């Protein structure tokens, strides 16, 4: 059993190591403006997944992916030596699509804002289907009680009271 805190520490250390090696030691011209965003490692500490983002278009992303694949051996040996584990974890690089998700969420929020504005516009022109105040107020109910008392005095008694 591996301690989850130990796994998190190793994942964070892998992220830092890969970021520093990419920044300082890899001189591949295909490598674009890259940011290492996250790293995750399996509980047995054998496989690590490194997430990265690239500033640029699809061509820059594909060339950066190729540069990372060619530098994978050097990165793995650097990570293995620094972590001091019995087995160096295999590294898998995954393009993090955070920007795409952010754009999608921004589009959804803009659509919701537009829908809310439309609802407000329709509500401003709306009229009541019935009366503006459908409930009886206290003043009206007191007047109705007074009218009801007068009506009771005029009606003859019912039932068995015949004399």
N, C-alpha and C. Protein backbone atom coordinates (compact mmCIF):
# COMPACT_ATOMS: atom_id res chain seq x y z
N UNK A 1 0.83 -1.18 0.00
CA UNK A 1 0.00 0.00 0.00
C UNK A 1 0.88 1.25 0.00
N UNK A 2 0.54 2.18 -0.86
CA UNK A 2 1.28 3.41 -0.95
C UNK A 2 0.48 4.53 -0.29
N UNK A 3 1.17 5.35 0.43
CA UNK A 3 0.55 6.47 1.12
C UNK A 3 0.10 7.52 0.09
N UNK A 4 -1.18 7.96 0.13
CA UNK A 4 -1.64 8.96 -0.84
C UNK A 4 -0.87 10.28 -0.75
N UNK A 5 -0.44 10.66 0.43
CA UNK A 5 0.33 11.89 0.58
C UNK A 5 1.69 11.75 -0.13
N UNK A 6 2.27 10.57 -0.05
CA UNK A 6 3.54 10.33 -0.73
C UNK A 6 3.36 10.39 -2.24
N UNK A 7 2.27 9.84 -2.72
CA UNK A 7 1.98 9.86 -4.16
C UNK A 7 1.81 11.30 -4.62
N UNK A 8 1.09 12.12 -3.84
CA UNK A 8 0.92 13.54 -4.21
C UNK A 8 2.25 14.27 -4.22
N UNK A 9 3.09 14.01 -3.24
CA UNK A 9 4.41 14.66 -3.18
C UNK A 9 5.25 14.29 -4.40
N UNK A 10 5.23 13.02 -4.77
CA UNK A 10 5.98 12.58 -5.94
C UNK A 10 5.43 13.21 -7.21
N UNK A 11 4.13 13.30 -7.32
CA UNK A 11 3.52 13.92 -8.51
C UNK A 11 3.92 15.39 -8.61
N UNK A 12 3.89 16.09 -7.50
CA UNK A 12 4.28 17.50 -7.50
C UNK A 12 5.76 17.65 -7.85
N UNK A 13 6.58 16.77 -7.32
CA UNK A 13 8.01 16.81 -7.62
C UNK A 13 8.27 16.50 -9.09
N UNK A 14 7.52 15.57 -9.66
CA UNK A 14 7.67 15.27 -11.10
C UNK A 14 7.31 16.49 -11.93
N UNK A 15 6.22 17.17 -11.55
CA UNK A 15 5.82 18.38 -12.29
C UNK A 15 6.93 19.42 -12.25
N UNK A 16 7.50 19.64 -11.08
CA UNK A 16 8.57 20.63 -10.95
C UNK A 16 9.81 20.23 -11.74
N UNK A 17 10.18 18.97 -11.66
CA UNK A 17 11.37 18.50 -12.37
C UNK A 17 11.22 18.62 -13.88
N UNK A 18 10.08 18.16 -14.39
CA UNK A 18 9.86 18.23 -15.84
C UNK A 18 9.85 19.68 -16.30
N UNK A 19 9.22 20.55 -15.53
CA UNK A 19 9.17 21.96 -15.92
C UNK A 19 10.58 22.57 -15.95
N UNK A 20 11.40 22.27 -14.96
CA UNK A 20 12.75 22.85 -14.94
C UNK A 20 13.62 22.27 -16.05
N UNK A 21 13.49 20.98 -16.33
CA UNK A 21 14.28 20.38 -17.41
C UNK A 21 13.85 20.92 -18.76
N UNK A 22 12.56 21.07 -18.97
CA UNK A 22 12.07 21.61 -20.24
C UNK A 22 12.56 23.04 -20.42
N UNK A 23 12.58 23.80 -19.35
CA UNK A 23 12.99 25.20 -19.42
C UNK A 23 14.50 25.33 -19.64
N UNK A 24 15.28 24.47 -18.98
CA UNK A 24 16.72 24.71 -18.99
C UNK A 24 17.54 23.77 -19.88
N UNK A 25 17.13 22.53 -20.06
CA UNK A 25 18.01 21.57 -20.72
C UNK A 25 17.57 21.17 -22.13
N UNK A 26 16.31 21.26 -22.44
CA UNK A 26 15.86 20.84 -23.77
C UNK A 26 16.01 22.03 -24.72
N UNK A 27 16.81 21.81 -25.77
CA UNK A 27 17.09 22.88 -26.74
C UNK A 27 16.45 22.59 -28.10
N UNK A 28 15.40 21.83 -28.11
CA UNK A 28 14.71 21.46 -29.35
C UNK A 28 13.98 22.67 -29.91
N UNK A 29 14.21 23.03 -31.18
CA UNK A 29 13.52 24.20 -31.75
C UNK A 29 12.02 23.97 -31.95
N UNK A 30 11.59 22.71 -31.94
CA UNK A 30 10.16 22.42 -32.09
C UNK A 30 9.37 22.75 -30.83
N UNK A 31 10.06 22.89 -29.71
CA UNK A 31 9.41 23.13 -28.43
C UNK A 31 8.87 24.56 -28.42
N UNK A 32 7.57 24.68 -28.25
CA UNK A 32 6.92 25.99 -28.24
C UNK A 32 6.86 26.58 -26.85
N UNK A 33 6.00 27.55 -26.69
CA UNK A 33 5.77 28.18 -25.38
C UNK A 33 4.95 27.20 -24.55
N UNK A 34 5.63 26.42 -23.73
CA UNK A 34 4.99 25.32 -23.01
C UNK A 34 4.90 25.64 -21.53
N UNK A 35 3.83 25.18 -20.92
CA UNK A 35 3.65 25.28 -19.47
C UNK A 35 3.25 23.90 -18.97
N UNK A 36 3.96 23.41 -17.99
CA UNK A 36 3.61 22.13 -17.37
C UNK A 36 2.56 22.45 -16.30
N UNK A 37 1.33 21.98 -16.50
CA UNK A 37 0.23 22.36 -15.61
C UNK A 37 0.01 21.39 -14.47
N UNK A 38 0.24 20.09 -14.70
CA UNK A 38 -0.05 19.12 -13.66
C UNK A 38 0.69 17.83 -13.95
N UNK A 39 0.85 17.03 -12.92
CA UNK A 39 1.41 15.69 -13.08
C UNK A 39 0.67 14.77 -12.13
N UNK A 40 0.39 13.59 -12.60
CA UNK A 40 -0.27 12.57 -11.78
C UNK A 40 0.51 11.28 -11.92
N UNK A 41 0.58 10.56 -10.82
CA UNK A 41 1.33 9.31 -10.82
C UNK A 41 0.45 8.23 -10.22
N UNK A 42 0.60 7.03 -10.71
CA UNK A 42 -0.21 5.92 -10.21
C UNK A 42 0.23 5.56 -8.79
N UNK A 43 -0.60 4.82 -8.10
CA UNK A 43 -0.33 4.47 -6.71
C UNK A 43 0.92 3.59 -6.57
N UNK A 44 1.25 2.81 -7.61
CA UNK A 44 2.45 1.98 -7.53
C UNK A 44 3.70 2.73 -7.97
N UNK A 45 3.57 4.02 -8.29
CA UNK A 45 4.69 4.91 -8.66
C UNK A 45 5.42 4.44 -9.92
N UNK A 46 4.71 3.77 -10.82
CA UNK A 46 5.34 3.25 -12.03
C UNK A 46 5.03 4.11 -13.27
N UNK A 47 3.86 4.72 -13.32
CA UNK A 47 3.44 5.48 -14.49
C UNK A 47 3.05 6.90 -14.07
N UNK A 48 3.61 7.86 -14.77
CA UNK A 48 3.29 9.26 -14.48
C UNK A 48 2.72 9.90 -15.75
N UNK A 49 1.69 10.70 -15.56
CA UNK A 49 1.10 11.46 -16.66
C UNK A 49 1.38 12.93 -16.40
N UNK A 50 1.97 13.59 -17.39
CA UNK A 50 2.32 15.00 -17.27
C UNK A 50 1.42 15.78 -18.22
N UNK A 51 0.71 16.75 -17.68
CA UNK A 51 -0.19 17.58 -18.47
C UNK A 51 0.51 18.89 -18.80
N UNK A 52 0.35 19.35 -20.04
CA UNK A 52 1.00 20.59 -20.46
C UNK A 52 0.07 21.38 -21.38
N UNK A 53 0.32 22.67 -21.45
CA UNK A 53 -0.38 23.54 -22.39
C UNK A 53 0.65 24.20 -23.28
N UNK A 54 0.23 24.54 -24.48
CA UNK A 54 1.11 25.20 -25.44
C UNK A 54 0.41 26.43 -25.97
N UNK A 55 1.12 27.54 -25.97
CA UNK A 55 0.59 28.77 -26.54
C UNK A 55 0.79 28.71 -28.05
N UNK A 56 -0.29 28.78 -28.79
CA UNK A 56 -0.18 28.74 -30.24
C UNK A 56 -1.27 27.90 -30.86
N UNK A 57 -1.13 27.68 -32.16
CA UNK A 57 -2.14 26.94 -32.91
C UNK A 57 -1.86 25.44 -32.87
N UNK A 58 -2.58 24.71 -33.70
CA UNK A 58 -2.46 23.25 -33.71
C UNK A 58 -1.08 22.80 -34.18
N UNK A 59 -0.46 23.55 -35.08
CA UNK A 59 0.88 23.18 -35.55
C UNK A 59 1.90 23.29 -34.41
N UNK A 60 1.79 24.35 -33.61
CA UNK A 60 2.69 24.51 -32.47
C UNK A 60 2.46 23.41 -31.45
N UNK A 61 1.21 23.00 -31.27
CA UNK A 61 0.91 21.93 -30.32
C UNK A 61 1.49 20.60 -30.79
N UNK A 62 1.35 20.30 -32.07
CA UNK A 62 1.87 19.02 -32.58
C UNK A 62 3.39 19.00 -32.57
N UNK A 63 4.04 20.12 -32.90
CA UNK A 63 5.51 20.14 -32.87
C UNK A 63 6.03 20.03 -31.45
N UNK A 64 5.34 20.65 -30.49
CA UNK A 64 5.74 20.53 -29.09
C UNK A 64 5.56 19.10 -28.59
N UNK A 65 4.48 18.45 -29.01
CA UNK A 65 4.26 17.06 -28.62
C UNK A 65 5.39 16.18 -29.18
N UNK A 66 5.81 16.44 -30.40
CA UNK A 66 6.91 15.66 -30.99
C UNK A 66 8.21 15.92 -30.23
N UNK A 67 8.46 17.15 -29.84
CA UNK A 67 9.68 17.48 -29.09
C UNK A 67 9.68 16.79 -27.72
N UNK A 68 8.54 16.76 -27.06
CA UNK A 68 8.45 16.10 -25.76
C UNK A 68 8.66 14.59 -25.90
N UNK A 69 8.11 14.00 -26.96
CA UNK A 69 8.29 12.56 -27.18
C UNK A 69 9.76 12.23 -27.42
N UNK A 70 10.47 13.10 -28.14
CA UNK A 70 11.89 12.81 -28.40
C UNK A 70 12.74 13.02 -27.16
N UNK A 71 12.30 13.88 -26.24
CA UNK A 71 13.07 14.13 -25.01
C UNK A 71 12.58 13.28 -23.84
N UNK A 72 11.66 12.36 -24.10
CA UNK A 72 11.06 11.56 -23.03
C UNK A 72 12.10 10.75 -22.26
N UNK A 73 13.09 10.17 -22.93
CA UNK A 73 14.11 9.35 -22.26
C UNK A 73 14.95 10.17 -21.29
N UNK A 74 15.37 11.35 -21.74
CA UNK A 74 16.17 12.20 -20.87
C UNK A 74 15.33 12.66 -19.67
N UNK A 75 14.08 13.01 -19.91
CA UNK A 75 13.20 13.45 -18.82
C UNK A 75 12.97 12.32 -17.82
N UNK A 76 12.78 11.11 -18.34
CA UNK A 76 12.54 9.97 -17.45
C UNK A 76 13.75 9.67 -16.58
N UNK A 77 14.95 9.73 -17.15
CA UNK A 77 16.15 9.45 -16.36
C UNK A 77 16.37 10.55 -15.32
N UNK A 78 16.09 11.79 -15.66
CA UNK A 78 16.24 12.89 -14.70
C UNK A 78 15.25 12.74 -13.56
N UNK A 79 14.01 12.40 -13.88
CA UNK A 79 12.99 12.21 -12.84
C UNK A 79 13.34 11.02 -11.96
N UNK A 80 13.79 9.93 -12.56
CA UNK A 80 14.14 8.73 -11.80
C UNK A 80 15.28 8.97 -10.82
N UNK A 81 16.31 9.68 -11.27
CA UNK A 81 17.44 9.98 -10.39
C UNK A 81 17.02 10.91 -9.25
N UNK A 82 16.21 11.92 -9.56
CA UNK A 82 15.82 12.90 -8.55
C UNK A 82 14.88 12.30 -7.51
N UNK A 83 14.00 11.40 -7.92
CA UNK A 83 13.06 10.82 -6.98
C UNK A 83 13.68 9.72 -6.13
N UNK A 84 14.70 9.07 -6.63
CA UNK A 84 15.37 8.01 -5.87
C UNK A 84 14.51 6.77 -5.70
N UNK A 85 13.66 6.49 -6.65
CA UNK A 85 12.81 5.30 -6.59
C UNK A 85 13.54 4.11 -7.21
N UNK A 86 13.09 2.91 -6.88
CA UNK A 86 13.67 1.70 -7.44
C UNK A 86 13.45 1.66 -8.95
N UNK A 87 12.25 2.04 -9.39
CA UNK A 87 11.92 2.05 -10.81
C UNK A 87 11.55 3.48 -11.21
N UNK A 88 12.15 3.94 -12.29
CA UNK A 88 11.80 5.26 -12.81
C UNK A 88 10.42 5.18 -13.44
N UNK A 89 9.53 6.10 -13.11
CA UNK A 89 8.19 6.04 -13.71
C UNK A 89 8.22 6.37 -15.20
N UNK A 90 7.40 5.67 -15.96
CA UNK A 90 7.26 6.03 -17.37
C UNK A 90 6.48 7.32 -17.46
N UNK A 91 6.84 8.17 -18.40
CA UNK A 91 6.20 9.46 -18.55
C UNK A 91 5.30 9.46 -19.77
N UNK A 92 4.11 9.94 -19.59
CA UNK A 92 3.17 10.11 -20.68
C UNK A 92 2.78 11.58 -20.70
N UNK A 93 2.90 12.21 -21.85
CA UNK A 93 2.57 13.64 -21.96
C UNK A 93 1.20 13.79 -22.60
N UNK A 94 0.36 14.59 -21.95
CA UNK A 94 -1.01 14.81 -22.41
C UNK A 94 -1.24 16.31 -22.53
N UNK A 95 -1.72 16.71 -23.70
CA UNK A 95 -2.04 18.12 -23.91
C UNK A 95 -3.26 18.49 -23.07
N UNK A 96 -3.10 19.46 -22.22
CA UNK A 96 -4.16 19.91 -21.32
C UNK A 96 -5.00 20.93 -22.08
N UNK A 97 -6.28 20.66 -22.23
CA UNK A 97 -7.15 21.53 -23.02
C UNK A 97 -7.90 22.53 -22.14
N UNK A 98 -7.19 23.13 -21.21
CA UNK A 98 -7.80 24.08 -20.29
C UNK A 98 -8.36 25.29 -21.05
N UNK A 99 -7.60 25.79 -22.02
CA UNK A 99 -8.07 26.96 -22.76
C UNK A 99 -9.36 26.67 -23.50
N UNK A 100 -9.47 25.49 -24.09
CA UNK A 100 -10.70 25.13 -24.79
C UNK A 100 -11.88 25.04 -23.83
N UNK A 101 -11.64 24.48 -22.65
CA UNK A 101 -12.71 24.38 -21.66
C UNK A 101 -13.11 25.75 -21.15
N UNK A 102 -12.13 26.63 -20.95
CA UNK A 102 -12.43 27.99 -20.50
C UNK A 102 -13.24 28.72 -21.55
N UNK A 103 -12.88 28.57 -22.81
CA UNK A 103 -13.63 29.22 -23.89
C UNK A 103 -15.05 28.69 -23.94
N UNK A 104 -15.21 27.38 -23.78
CA UNK A 104 -16.54 26.78 -23.80
C UNK A 104 -17.39 27.30 -22.64
N UNK A 105 -16.80 27.38 -21.45
CA UNK A 105 -17.54 27.88 -20.29
C UNK A 105 -17.90 29.35 -20.48
N UNK A 106 -16.98 30.15 -21.04
CA UNK A 106 -17.28 31.55 -21.31
C UNK A 106 -18.43 31.69 -22.31
N UNK A 107 -18.44 30.83 -23.33
CA UNK A 107 -19.54 30.86 -24.30
C UNK A 107 -20.87 30.51 -23.64
N UNK A 108 -20.85 29.51 -22.75
CA UNK A 108 -22.08 29.13 -22.04
C UNK A 108 -22.56 30.26 -21.13
N UNK A 109 -21.64 30.92 -20.44
CA UNK A 109 -22.02 32.04 -19.58
C UNK A 109 -22.59 33.20 -20.38
N UNK A 110 -22.00 33.47 -21.54
CA UNK A 110 -22.52 34.54 -22.40
C UNK A 110 -23.92 34.19 -22.90
N UNK A 111 -24.16 32.95 -23.26
CA UNK A 111 -25.49 32.53 -23.70
C UNK A 111 -26.49 32.66 -22.55
N UNK A 112 -26.09 32.30 -21.33
CA UNK A 112 -26.98 32.44 -20.18
C UNK A 112 -27.28 33.91 -19.89
N UNK A 113 -26.26 34.77 -20.03
CA UNK A 113 -26.47 36.21 -19.83
C UNK A 113 -27.47 36.75 -20.86
N UNK A 114 -27.33 36.32 -22.10
CA UNK A 114 -28.25 36.78 -23.15
C UNK A 114 -29.67 36.28 -22.87
N UNK A 115 -29.80 35.03 -22.43
CA UNK A 115 -31.12 34.49 -22.11
C UNK A 115 -31.75 35.24 -20.94
N UNK A 116 -30.95 35.58 -19.93
CA UNK A 116 -31.46 36.34 -18.79
C UNK A 116 -31.90 37.74 -19.22
N UNK A 117 -31.14 38.37 -20.11
CA UNK A 117 -31.52 39.69 -20.60
C UNK A 117 -32.83 39.61 -21.38
N UNK A 118 -33.01 38.55 -22.14
CA UNK A 118 -34.26 38.38 -22.90
C UNK A 118 -35.44 38.18 -21.95
N UNK A 119 -35.25 37.40 -20.90
CA UNK A 119 -36.31 37.18 -19.91
C UNK A 119 -36.65 38.50 -19.22
N UNK A 120 -35.65 39.29 -18.87
CA UNK A 120 -35.91 40.59 -18.24
C UNK A 120 -36.66 41.52 -19.18
N UNK A 121 -36.30 41.49 -20.46
CA UNK A 121 -36.98 42.34 -21.44
C UNK A 121 -38.44 41.93 -21.58
N UNK A 122 -38.70 40.63 -21.62
CA UNK A 122 -40.08 40.16 -21.71
C UNK A 122 -40.85 40.45 -20.43
N UNK A 123 -40.20 40.34 -19.29
CA UNK A 123 -40.87 40.59 -18.02
C UNK A 123 -41.23 42.06 -17.85
N UNK A 124 -40.46 42.95 -18.45
CA UNK A 124 -40.74 44.39 -18.33
C UNK A 124 -42.03 44.75 -19.06
N UNK A 125 -42.36 44.04 -20.14
CA UNK A 125 -43.58 44.32 -20.90
C UNK A 125 -44.76 43.46 -20.46
N UNK A 126 -44.57 42.58 -19.53
CA UNK A 126 -45.62 41.64 -19.14
C UNK A 126 -46.70 42.33 -18.31
N UNK A 127 -47.90 41.79 -18.44
CA UNK A 127 -49.03 42.28 -17.66
C UNK A 127 -49.61 41.10 -16.89
N UNK A 128 -50.34 41.43 -15.84
CA UNK A 128 -50.95 40.37 -15.04
C UNK A 128 -52.07 39.71 -15.83
N UNK A 129 -52.26 38.43 -15.63
CA UNK A 129 -53.32 37.71 -16.32
C UNK A 129 -54.67 38.05 -15.69
N UNK A 130 -54.70 38.27 -14.40
CA UNK A 130 -55.93 38.62 -13.69
C UNK A 130 -55.78 40.00 -13.10
N UNK A 131 -56.23 40.14 -11.87
CA UNK A 131 -56.08 41.42 -11.20
C UNK A 131 -54.63 41.58 -10.75
N UNK A 132 -54.25 42.83 -10.55
CA UNK A 132 -52.89 43.09 -10.11
C UNK A 132 -52.65 42.55 -8.71
N UNK A 133 -53.68 42.61 -7.86
CA UNK A 133 -53.59 42.09 -6.50
C UNK A 133 -54.66 41.01 -6.33
N UNK A 134 -54.31 39.74 -6.47
CA UNK A 134 -55.32 38.69 -6.42
C UNK A 134 -55.78 38.33 -5.01
N UNK A 135 -55.12 38.83 -3.99
CA UNK A 135 -55.46 38.46 -2.62
C UNK A 135 -56.25 39.58 -1.94
N UNK A 136 -57.10 39.19 -1.02
CA UNK A 136 -57.86 40.18 -0.26
C UNK A 136 -56.97 40.80 0.78
N UNK A 137 -57.04 42.09 0.88
CA UNK A 137 -56.26 42.80 1.88
C UNK A 137 -57.06 42.89 3.17
N UNK A 138 -56.44 43.31 4.27
CA UNK A 138 -57.11 43.38 5.56
C UNK A 138 -58.24 44.40 5.55
N UNK A 139 -58.06 45.52 4.89
CA UNK A 139 -59.11 46.55 4.85
C UNK A 139 -60.36 46.02 4.17
N UNK A 140 -60.16 45.30 3.07
CA UNK A 140 -61.31 44.75 2.36
C UNK A 140 -62.02 43.69 3.19
N UNK A 141 -61.27 42.88 3.92
CA UNK A 141 -61.91 41.82 4.71
C UNK A 141 -62.69 42.41 5.88
N UNK A 142 -62.25 43.55 6.47
CA UNK A 142 -63.02 44.19 7.54
C UNK A 142 -64.34 44.74 7.00
N UNK A 143 -64.30 45.32 5.79
CA UNK A 143 -65.53 45.82 5.17
C UNK A 143 -66.48 44.67 4.88
N UNK A 144 -65.98 43.55 4.44
CA UNK A 144 -66.82 42.40 4.14
C UNK A 144 -67.43 41.84 5.42
N UNK A 145 -66.69 41.84 6.52
CA UNK A 145 -67.22 41.37 7.80
C UNK A 145 -68.36 42.27 8.27
N UNK A 146 -68.19 43.56 8.10
CA UNK A 146 -69.25 44.49 8.53
C UNK A 146 -70.50 44.29 7.69
N UNK A 147 -70.36 44.07 6.42
CA UNK A 147 -71.52 43.83 5.56
C UNK A 147 -72.16 42.51 5.94
N UNK A 148 -71.38 41.52 6.28
CA UNK A 148 -71.90 40.21 6.65
C UNK A 148 -72.70 40.28 7.95
N UNK A 149 -72.30 41.11 8.90
CA UNK A 149 -73.03 41.24 10.17
C UNK A 149 -74.40 41.87 9.94
N UNK A 150 -74.48 42.85 9.07
CA UNK A 150 -75.78 43.49 8.77
C UNK A 150 -76.70 42.48 8.11
N UNK A 151 -76.18 41.65 7.28
CA UNK A 151 -77.01 40.68 6.57
C UNK A 151 -77.55 39.64 7.54
N UNK A 152 -76.84 39.30 8.58
CA UNK A 152 -77.30 38.30 9.53
C UNK A 152 -78.48 38.80 10.36
N UNK A 153 -78.55 40.08 10.65
CA UNK A 153 -79.64 40.64 11.45
C UNK A 153 -80.97 40.57 10.70
N UNK A 154 -80.98 40.65 9.40
CA UNK A 154 -82.20 40.69 8.62
C UNK A 154 -82.78 39.31 8.37
N UNK A 155 -82.03 38.26 8.45
CA UNK A 155 -82.54 36.94 8.12
C UNK A 155 -83.24 36.33 9.32
N UNK A 156 -84.34 35.63 9.08
CA UNK A 156 -85.06 34.99 10.18
C UNK A 156 -84.27 33.80 10.70
N UNK A 157 -84.47 33.45 11.96
CA UNK A 157 -83.73 32.29 12.52
C UNK A 157 -84.22 31.03 11.87
N UNK A 158 -83.37 30.06 11.81
CA UNK A 158 -83.67 28.77 11.20
C UNK A 158 -83.81 27.72 12.26
N UNK A 159 -84.34 26.64 11.86
CA UNK A 159 -84.33 25.50 12.73
C UNK A 159 -85.56 25.40 13.61
N UNK A 160 -85.41 24.86 14.83
CA UNK A 160 -86.51 24.51 15.69
C UNK A 160 -86.98 25.61 16.59
N UNK A 161 -86.62 26.84 16.39
CA UNK A 161 -87.05 27.92 17.27
C UNK A 161 -88.32 28.55 16.71
N UNK A 162 -89.55 27.91 16.97
CA UNK A 162 -90.82 28.47 16.49
C UNK A 162 -91.72 28.74 17.68
N UNK A 163 -92.05 29.88 17.97
CA UNK A 163 -92.91 30.18 19.09
C UNK A 163 -94.10 30.87 18.69
